[in-house]
């Protein structure tokens, strides 16, 4: 989506998995920028063949992604 994307202050992203995906970071949408807080106060609802482990929304400057972390995955943040 070119330009700035404005979304409601809160809501739910509904994600239905057709197949079980491996751990990774998967972009859902990209734009020039998010207006205000973007998706910061949104929740994620998953259904279908959802992966085992944590599934979380990740917002960066102009991308909304979903991160899938396998059970037992150790994340080292510096």
PDB file of N, CA and C in Angstrom:
ATOM      1  N   UNK A   1       0.861  -1.163   0.000  1.00  0.00           N
ATOM      2  CA  UNK A   1       0.000   0.000   0.000  1.00  0.00           C
ATOM      3  C   UNK A   1       0.908   1.226   0.000  1.00  0.00           C
ATOM      4  N   UNK A   2       0.847   2.053  -1.017  1.00  0.00           N
ATOM      5  CA  UNK A   2       1.680   3.257  -1.018  1.00  0.00           C
ATOM      6  C   UNK A   2       1.139   4.300  -0.036  1.00  0.00           C
ATOM      7  N   UNK A   3       1.999   5.076   0.541  1.00  0.00           N
ATOM      8  CA  UNK A   3       1.577   6.140   1.447  1.00  0.00           C
ATOM      9  C   UNK A   3       1.379   5.664   2.866  1.00  0.00           C
ATOM     10  N   UNK A   4       0.726   6.516   3.662  1.00  0.00           N
ATOM     11  CA  UNK A   4       0.502   6.246   5.085  1.00  0.00           C
ATOM     12  C   UNK A   4      -0.823   5.529   5.276  1.00  0.00           C
ATOM     13  N   UNK A   5      -0.810   4.491   6.102  1.00  0.00           N
ATOM     14  CA  UNK A   5      -2.002   3.704   6.386  1.00  0.00           C
ATOM     15  C   UNK A   5      -2.527   4.059   7.771  1.00  0.00           C
ATOM     16  N   UNK A   6      -3.771   4.508   7.841  1.00  0.00           N
ATOM     17  CA  UNK A   6      -4.429   4.794   9.113  1.00  0.00           C
ATOM     18  C   UNK A   6      -5.365   3.640   9.437  1.00  0.00           C
ATOM     19  N   UNK A   7      -5.281   3.127  10.662  1.00  0.00           N
ATOM     20  CA  UNK A   7      -6.162   2.054  11.109  1.00  0.00           C
ATOM     21  C   UNK A   7      -6.814   2.472  12.422  1.00  0.00           C
ATOM     22  N   UNK A   8      -7.852   1.757  12.807  1.00  0.00           N
ATOM     23  CA  UNK A   8      -8.528   2.043  14.078  1.00  0.00           C
ATOM     24  C   UNK A   8      -7.553   1.868  15.235  1.00  0.00           C
ATOM     25  N   UNK A   9      -7.857   2.485  16.371  1.00  0.00           N
ATOM     26  CA  UNK A   9      -6.980   2.422  17.540  1.00  0.00           C
ATOM     27  C   UNK A   9      -6.816   1.003  18.068  1.00  0.00           C
ATOM     28  N   UNK A  10      -7.795   0.164  17.863  1.00  0.00           N
ATOM     29  CA  UNK A  10      -7.724  -1.219  18.329  1.00  0.00           C
ATOM     30  C   UNK A  10      -8.595  -2.101  17.478  1.00  0.00           C
ATOM     31  N   UNK A  11      -8.325  -3.372  17.511  1.00  0.00           N
ATOM     32  CA  UNK A  11      -9.099  -4.326  16.728  1.00  0.00           C
ATOM     33  C   UNK A  11      -8.459  -5.694  16.817  1.00  0.00           C
ATOM     34  N   UNK A  12      -8.876  -6.572  15.922  1.00  0.00           N
ATOM     35  CA  UNK A  12      -8.356  -7.933  15.888  1.00  0.00           C
ATOM     36  C   UNK A  12      -7.955  -8.281  14.470  1.00  0.00           C
ATOM     37  N   UNK A  13      -6.768  -8.844  14.318  1.00  0.00           N
ATOM     38  CA  UNK A  13      -6.327  -9.408  13.046  1.00  0.00           C
ATOM     39  C   UNK A  13      -6.653 -10.893  13.121  1.00  0.00           C
ATOM     40  N   UNK A  14      -7.531 -11.371  12.232  1.00  0.00           N
ATOM     41  CA  UNK A  14      -7.913 -12.779  12.180  1.00  0.00           C
ATOM     42  C   UNK A  14      -7.064 -13.468  11.125  1.00  0.00           C
ATOM     43  N   UNK A  15      -6.283 -14.451  11.536  1.00  0.00           N
ATOM     44  CA  UNK A  15      -5.366 -15.144  10.641  1.00  0.00           C
ATOM     45  C   UNK A  15      -5.721 -16.626  10.625  1.00  0.00           C
ATOM     46  N   UNK A  16      -6.099 -17.128   9.443  1.00  0.00           N
ATOM     47  CA  UNK A  16      -6.448 -18.536   9.291  1.00  0.00           C
ATOM     48  C   UNK A  16      -5.345 -19.228   8.501  1.00  0.00           C
ATOM     49  N   UNK A  17      -4.754 -20.249   9.080  1.00  0.00           N
ATOM     50  CA  UNK A  17      -3.676 -20.991   8.437  1.00  0.00           C
ATOM     51  C   UNK A  17      -4.261 -22.131   7.614  1.00  0.00           C
ATOM     52  N   UNK A  18      -3.927 -22.173   6.321  1.00  0.00           N
ATOM     53  CA  UNK A  18      -4.338 -23.273   5.455  1.00  0.00           C
ATOM     54  C   UNK A  18      -3.382 -24.452   5.607  1.00  0.00           C
ATOM     55  N   UNK A  19      -2.153 -24.162   6.000  1.00  0.00           N
ATOM     56  CA  UNK A  19      -1.142 -25.195   6.222  1.00  0.00           C
ATOM     57  C   UNK A  19      -0.271 -24.763   7.391  1.00  0.00           C
ATOM     58  N   UNK A  20       0.336 -25.701   8.056  1.00  0.00           N
ATOM     59  CA  UNK A  20       1.195 -25.397   9.198  1.00  0.00           C
ATOM     60  C   UNK A  20       2.538 -24.898   8.680  1.00  0.00           C
ATOM     61  N   UNK A  21       2.859 -23.660   9.000  1.00  0.00           N
ATOM     62  CA  UNK A  21       4.101 -23.040   8.544  1.00  0.00           C
ATOM     63  C   UNK A  21       5.225 -23.261   9.555  1.00  0.00           C
ATOM     64  N   UNK A  22       6.466 -23.307   9.068  1.00  0.00           N
ATOM     65  CA  UNK A  22       7.597 -23.407   9.987  1.00  0.00           C
ATOM     66  C   UNK A  22       7.841 -22.076  10.684  1.00  0.00           C
ATOM     67  N   UNK A  23       8.678 -22.109  11.704  1.00  0.00           N
ATOM     68  CA  UNK A  23       9.037 -20.886  12.428  1.00  0.00           C
ATOM     69  C   UNK A  23       9.627 -19.878  11.458  1.00  0.00           C
ATOM     70  N   UNK A  24       9.313 -18.595  11.684  1.00  0.00           N
ATOM     71  CA  UNK A  24       9.841 -17.531  10.833  1.00  0.00           C
ATOM     72  C   UNK A  24       9.043 -16.262  10.998  1.00  0.00           C
ATOM     73  N   UNK A  25       9.419 -15.260  10.208  1.00  0.00           N
ATOM     74  CA  UNK A  25       8.734 -13.970  10.210  1.00  0.00           C
ATOM     75  C   UNK A  25       8.071 -13.807   8.846  1.00  0.00           C
ATOM     76  N   UNK A  26       6.754 -13.641   8.822  1.00  0.00           N
ATOM     77  CA  UNK A  26       5.984 -13.585   7.589  1.00  0.00           C
ATOM     78  C   UNK A  26       5.263 -12.241   7.477  1.00  0.00           C
ATOM     79  N   UNK A  27       5.573 -11.436   6.453  1.00  0.00           N
ATOM     80  CA  UNK A  27       4.887 -10.151   6.301  1.00  0.00           C
ATOM     81  C   UNK A  27       3.425 -10.351   5.886  1.00  0.00           C
ATOM     82  N   UNK A  28       2.537  -9.582   6.522  1.00  0.00           N
ATOM     83  CA  UNK A  28       1.120  -9.612   6.171  1.00  0.00           C
ATOM     84  C   UNK A  28       0.757  -8.453   5.260  1.00  0.00           C
ATOM     85  N   UNK A  29       1.320  -7.268   5.530  1.00  0.00           N
ATOM     86  CA  UNK A  29       1.090  -6.109   4.673  1.00  0.00           C
ATOM     87  C   UNK A  29       2.229  -5.122   4.822  1.00  0.00           C
ATOM     88  N   UNK A  30       2.459  -4.356   3.778  1.00  0.00           N
ATOM     89  CA  UNK A  30       3.474  -3.310   3.816  1.00  0.00           C
ATOM     90  C   UNK A  30       2.858  -2.010   3.319  1.00  0.00           C
ATOM     91  N   UNK A  31       3.367  -0.912   3.836  1.00  0.00           N
ATOM     92  CA  UNK A  31       2.902   0.412   3.441  1.00  0.00           C
ATOM     93  C   UNK A  31       4.058   1.391   3.640  1.00  0.00           C
ATOM     94  N   UNK A  32       3.853   2.625   3.236  1.00  0.00           N
ATOM     95  CA  UNK A  32       4.884   3.630   3.432  1.00  0.00           C
ATOM     96  C   UNK A  32       5.144   3.891   4.901  1.00  0.00           C
ATOM     97  N   UNK A  33       4.084   3.956   5.700  1.00  0.00           N
ATOM     98  CA  UNK A  33       4.167   4.188   7.140  1.00  0.00           C
ATOM     99  C   UNK A  33       2.784   3.947   7.741  1.00  0.00           C
ATOM    100  N   UNK A  34       2.758   3.782   9.060  1.00  0.00           N
ATOM    101  CA  UNK A  34       1.494   3.669   9.781  1.00  0.00           C
ATOM    102  C   UNK A  34       1.201   4.999  10.461  1.00  0.00           C
ATOM    103  N   UNK A  35      -0.047   5.447  10.395  1.00  0.00           N
ATOM    104  CA  UNK A  35      -0.448   6.676  11.085  1.00  0.00           C
ATOM    105  C   UNK A  35      -0.612   6.368  12.564  1.00  0.00           C
ATOM    106  N   UNK A  36      -0.229   7.289  13.407  1.00  0.00           N
ATOM    107  CA  UNK A  36      -0.393   7.123  14.854  1.00  0.00           C
ATOM    108  C   UNK A  36       0.314   5.887  15.367  1.00  0.00           C
ATOM    109  N   UNK A  37      -0.387   5.107  16.185  1.00  0.00           N
ATOM    110  CA  UNK A  37       0.183   3.903  16.784  1.00  0.00           C
ATOM    111  C   UNK A  37       0.080   2.679  15.876  1.00  0.00           C
ATOM    112  N   UNK A  38      -0.607   2.813  14.753  1.00  0.00           N
ATOM    113  CA  UNK A  38      -0.753   1.676  13.840  1.00  0.00           C
ATOM    114  C   UNK A  38      -1.471   0.520  14.506  1.00  0.00           C
ATOM    115  N   UNK A  39      -0.865  -0.644  14.487  1.00  0.00           N
ATOM    116  CA  UNK A  39      -1.471  -1.864  15.023  1.00  0.00           C
ATOM    117  C   UNK A  39      -1.014  -2.186  16.448  1.00  0.00           C
ATOM    118  N   UNK A  40      -0.441  -1.217  17.152  1.00  0.00           N
ATOM    119  CA  UNK A  40       0.136  -1.455  18.485  1.00  0.00           C
ATOM    120  C   UNK A  40      -0.871  -2.031  19.477  1.00  0.00           C
ATOM    121  N   UNK A  41      -2.128  -1.637  19.426  1.00  0.00           N
ATOM    122  CA  UNK A  41      -3.128  -2.101  20.387  1.00  0.00           C
ATOM    123  C   UNK A  41      -4.069  -3.153  19.811  1.00  0.00           C
ATOM    124  N   UNK A  42      -3.682  -3.765  18.724  1.00  0.00           N
ATOM    125  CA  UNK A  42      -4.493  -4.803  18.100  1.00  0.00           C
ATOM    126  C   UNK A  42      -4.118  -6.165  18.670  1.00  0.00           C
ATOM    127  N   UNK A  43      -5.063  -7.119  18.592  1.00  0.00           N
ATOM    128  CA  UNK A  43      -4.812  -8.483  19.017  1.00  0.00           C
ATOM    129  C   UNK A  43      -4.806  -9.400  17.796  1.00  0.00           C
ATOM    130  N   UNK A  44      -4.307 -10.595  17.984  1.00  0.00           N
ATOM    131  CA  UNK A  44      -4.231 -11.584  16.912  1.00  0.00           C
ATOM    132  C   UNK A  44      -5.059 -12.796  17.292  1.00  0.00           C
ATOM    133  N   UNK A  45      -5.927 -13.235  16.381  1.00  0.00           N
ATOM    134  CA  UNK A  45      -6.709 -14.458  16.569  1.00  0.00           C
ATOM    135  C   UNK A  45      -6.306 -15.426  15.460  1.00  0.00           C
ATOM    136  N   UNK A  46      -5.887 -16.633  15.825  1.00  0.00           N
ATOM    137  CA  UNK A  46      -5.463 -17.619  14.833  1.00  0.00           C
ATOM    138  C   UNK A  46      -6.438 -18.790  14.812  1.00  0.00           C
ATOM    139  N   UNK A  47      -6.585 -19.389  13.623  1.00  0.00           N
ATOM    140  CA  UNK A  47      -7.432 -20.566  13.461  1.00  0.00           C
ATOM    141  C   UNK A  47      -6.871 -21.389  12.313  1.00  0.00           C
ATOM    142  N   UNK A  48      -7.519 -22.499  12.031  1.00  0.00           N
ATOM    143  CA  UNK A  48      -7.057 -23.380  10.962  1.00  0.00           C
ATOM    144  C   UNK A  48      -5.930 -24.271  11.443  1.00  0.00           C
ATOM    145  N   UNK A  49      -5.003 -24.571  10.544  1.00  0.00           N
ATOM    146  CA  UNK A  49      -3.862 -25.446  10.853  1.00  0.00           C
ATOM    147  C   UNK A  49      -2.748 -24.609  11.477  1.00  0.00           C
ATOM    148  N   UNK A  50      -3.042 -24.015  12.622  1.00  0.00           N
ATOM    149  CA  UNK A  50      -2.113 -23.095  13.284  1.00  0.00           C
ATOM    150  C   UNK A  50      -0.864 -23.817  13.747  1.00  0.00           C
ATOM    151  N   UNK A  51       0.284 -23.153  13.644  1.00  0.00           N
ATOM    152  CA  UNK A  51       1.525 -23.762  14.100  1.00  0.00           C
ATOM    153  C   UNK A  51       1.545 -23.928  15.618  1.00  0.00           C
ATOM    154  N   UNK A  52       2.321 -24.900  16.062  1.00  0.00           N
ATOM    155  CA  UNK A  52       2.509 -25.110  17.496  1.00  0.00           C
ATOM    156  C   UNK A  52       3.566 -24.106  17.951  1.00  0.00           C
ATOM    157  N   UNK A  53       3.301 -23.394  19.016  1.00  0.00           N
ATOM    158  CA  UNK A  53       4.232 -22.394  19.519  1.00  0.00           C
ATOM    159  C   UNK A  53       3.594 -21.020  19.514  1.00  0.00           C
ATOM    160  N   UNK A  54       4.414 -20.006  19.756  1.00  0.00           N
ATOM    161  CA  UNK A  54       3.919 -18.633  19.823  1.00  0.00           C
ATOM    162  C   UNK A  54       3.735 -18.030  18.438  1.00  0.00           C
ATOM    163  N   UNK A  55       2.603 -17.383  18.241  1.00  0.00           N
ATOM    164  CA  UNK A  55       2.319 -16.639  17.019  1.00  0.00           C
ATOM    165  C   UNK A  55       1.978 -15.220  17.460  1.00  0.00           C
ATOM    166  N   UNK A  56       2.775 -14.233  17.047  1.00  0.00           N
ATOM    167  CA  UNK A  56       2.582 -12.858  17.495  1.00  0.00           C
ATOM    168  C   UNK A  56       2.642 -11.880  16.331  1.00  0.00           C
ATOM    169  N   UNK A  57       1.949 -10.755  16.501  1.00  0.00           N
ATOM    170  CA  UNK A  57       2.024  -9.663  15.530  1.00  0.00           C
ATOM    171  C   UNK A  57       3.260  -8.827  15.812  1.00  0.00           C
ATOM    172  N   UNK A  58       3.957  -8.435  14.756  1.00  0.00           N
ATOM    173  CA  UNK A  58       5.142  -7.595  14.862  1.00  0.00           C
ATOM    174  C   UNK A  58       4.955  -6.431  13.889  1.00  0.00           C
ATOM    175  N   UNK A  59       5.042  -5.219  14.413  1.00  0.00           N
ATOM    176  CA  UNK A  59       4.925  -4.027  13.572  1.00  0.00           C
ATOM    177  C   UNK A  59       6.269  -3.324  13.502  1.00  0.00           C
ATOM    178  N   UNK A  60       6.728  -3.061  12.297  1.00  0.00           N
ATOM    179  CA  UNK A  60       7.933  -2.252  12.116  1.00  0.00           C
ATOM    180  C   UNK A  60       7.512  -0.974  11.398  1.00  0.00           C
ATOM    181  N   UNK A  61       8.441  -0.191  10.923  1.00  0.00           N
ATOM    182  CA  UNK A  61       8.141   1.124  10.337  1.00  0.00           C
ATOM    183  C   UNK A  61       7.014   1.080   9.309  1.00  0.00           C
ATOM    184  N   UNK A  62       7.046   0.175   8.381  1.00  0.00           N
ATOM    185  CA  UNK A  62       6.014   0.115   7.356  1.00  0.00           C
ATOM    186  C   UNK A  62       5.547  -1.283   7.044  1.00  0.00           C
ATOM    187  N   UNK A  63       5.728  -2.219   7.985  1.00  0.00           N
ATOM    188  CA  UNK A  63       5.351  -3.609   7.746  1.00  0.00           C
ATOM    189  C   UNK A  63       4.647  -4.186   8.965  1.00  0.00           C
ATOM    190  N   UNK A  64       3.565  -4.909   8.714  1.00  0.00           N
ATOM    191  CA  UNK A  64       2.905  -5.696   9.754  1.00  0.00           C
ATOM    192  C   UNK A  64       3.182  -7.151   9.417  1.00  0.00           C
ATOM    193  N   UNK A  65       3.806  -7.854  10.350  1.00  0.00           N
ATOM    194  CA  UNK A  65       4.197  -9.246  10.125  1.00  0.00           C
ATOM    195  C   UNK A  65       3.672 -10.113  11.246  1.00  0.00           C
ATOM    196  N   UNK A  66       3.724 -11.403  11.024  1.00  0.00           N
ATOM    197  CA  UNK A  66       3.436 -12.370  12.070  1.00  0.00           C
ATOM    198  C   UNK A  66       4.709 -13.180  12.286  1.00  0.00           C
ATOM    199  N   UNK A  67       5.086 -13.331  13.555  1.00  0.00           N
ATOM    200  CA  UNK A  67       6.262 -14.128  13.910  1.00  0.00           C
ATOM    201  C   UNK A  67       5.784 -15.438  14.507  1.00  0.00           C
ATOM    202  N   UNK A  68       6.308 -16.532  13.954  1.00  0.00           N
ATOM    203  CA  UNK A  68       6.015 -17.863  14.465  1.00  0.00           C
ATOM    204  C   UNK A  68       7.283 -18.382  15.126  1.00  0.00           C
ATOM    205  N   UNK A  69       7.185 -18.669  16.410  1.00  0.00           N
ATOM    206  CA  UNK A  69       8.319 -19.211  17.162  1.00  0.00           C
ATOM    207  C   UNK A  69       7.958 -20.619  17.613  1.00  0.00           C
ATOM    208  N   UNK A  70       8.787 -21.578  17.268  1.00  0.00           N
ATOM    209  CA  UNK A  70       8.547 -22.969  17.652  1.00  0.00           C
ATOM    210  C   UNK A  70       8.672 -23.130  19.151  1.00  0.00           C
ATOM    211  N   UNK A  71       8.032 -24.152  19.679  1.00  0.00           N
ATOM    212  CA  UNK A  71       8.206 -24.489  21.091  1.00  0.00           C
ATOM    213  C   UNK A  71       9.669 -24.823  21.309  1.00  0.00           C
ATOM    214  N   UNK A  72      10.233 -24.288  22.348  1.00  0.00           N
ATOM    215  CA  UNK A  72      11.625 -24.555  22.647  1.00  0.00           C
ATOM    216  C   UNK A  72      12.587 -23.599  21.964  1.00  0.00           C
ATOM    217  N   UNK A  73      12.083 -22.649  21.178  1.00  0.00           N
ATOM    218  CA  UNK A  73      12.955 -21.679  20.522  1.00  0.00           C
ATOM    219  C   UNK A  73      13.453 -20.680  21.549  1.00  0.00           C
ATOM    220  N   UNK A  74      14.738 -20.394  21.527  1.00  0.00           N
ATOM    221  CA  UNK A  74      15.315 -19.403  22.407  1.00  0.00           C
ATOM    222  C   UNK A  74      15.657 -18.185  21.573  1.00  0.00           C
ATOM    223  N   UNK A  75      15.148 -17.026  21.980  1.00  0.00           N
ATOM    224  CA  UNK A  75      15.434 -15.781  21.285  1.00  0.00           C
ATOM    225  C   UNK A  75      16.409 -14.979  22.118  1.00  0.00           C
ATOM    226  N   UNK A  76      17.503 -14.556  21.512  1.00  0.00           N
ATOM    227  CA  UNK A  76      18.506 -13.740  22.186  1.00  0.00           C
ATOM    228  C   UNK A  76      18.397 -12.331  21.641  1.00  0.00           C
ATOM    229  N   UNK A  77      18.004 -11.394  22.493  1.00  0.00           N
ATOM    230  CA  UNK A  77      17.865  -9.997  22.090  1.00  0.00           C
ATOM    231  C   UNK A  77      18.997  -9.204  22.689  1.00  0.00           C
ATOM    232  N   UNK A  78      19.658  -8.392  21.864  1.00  0.00           N
ATOM    233  CA  UNK A  78      20.748  -7.578  22.356  1.00  0.00           C
ATOM    234  C   UNK A  78      20.434  -6.131  22.162  1.00  0.00           C
TER     235      UNK A  78
END
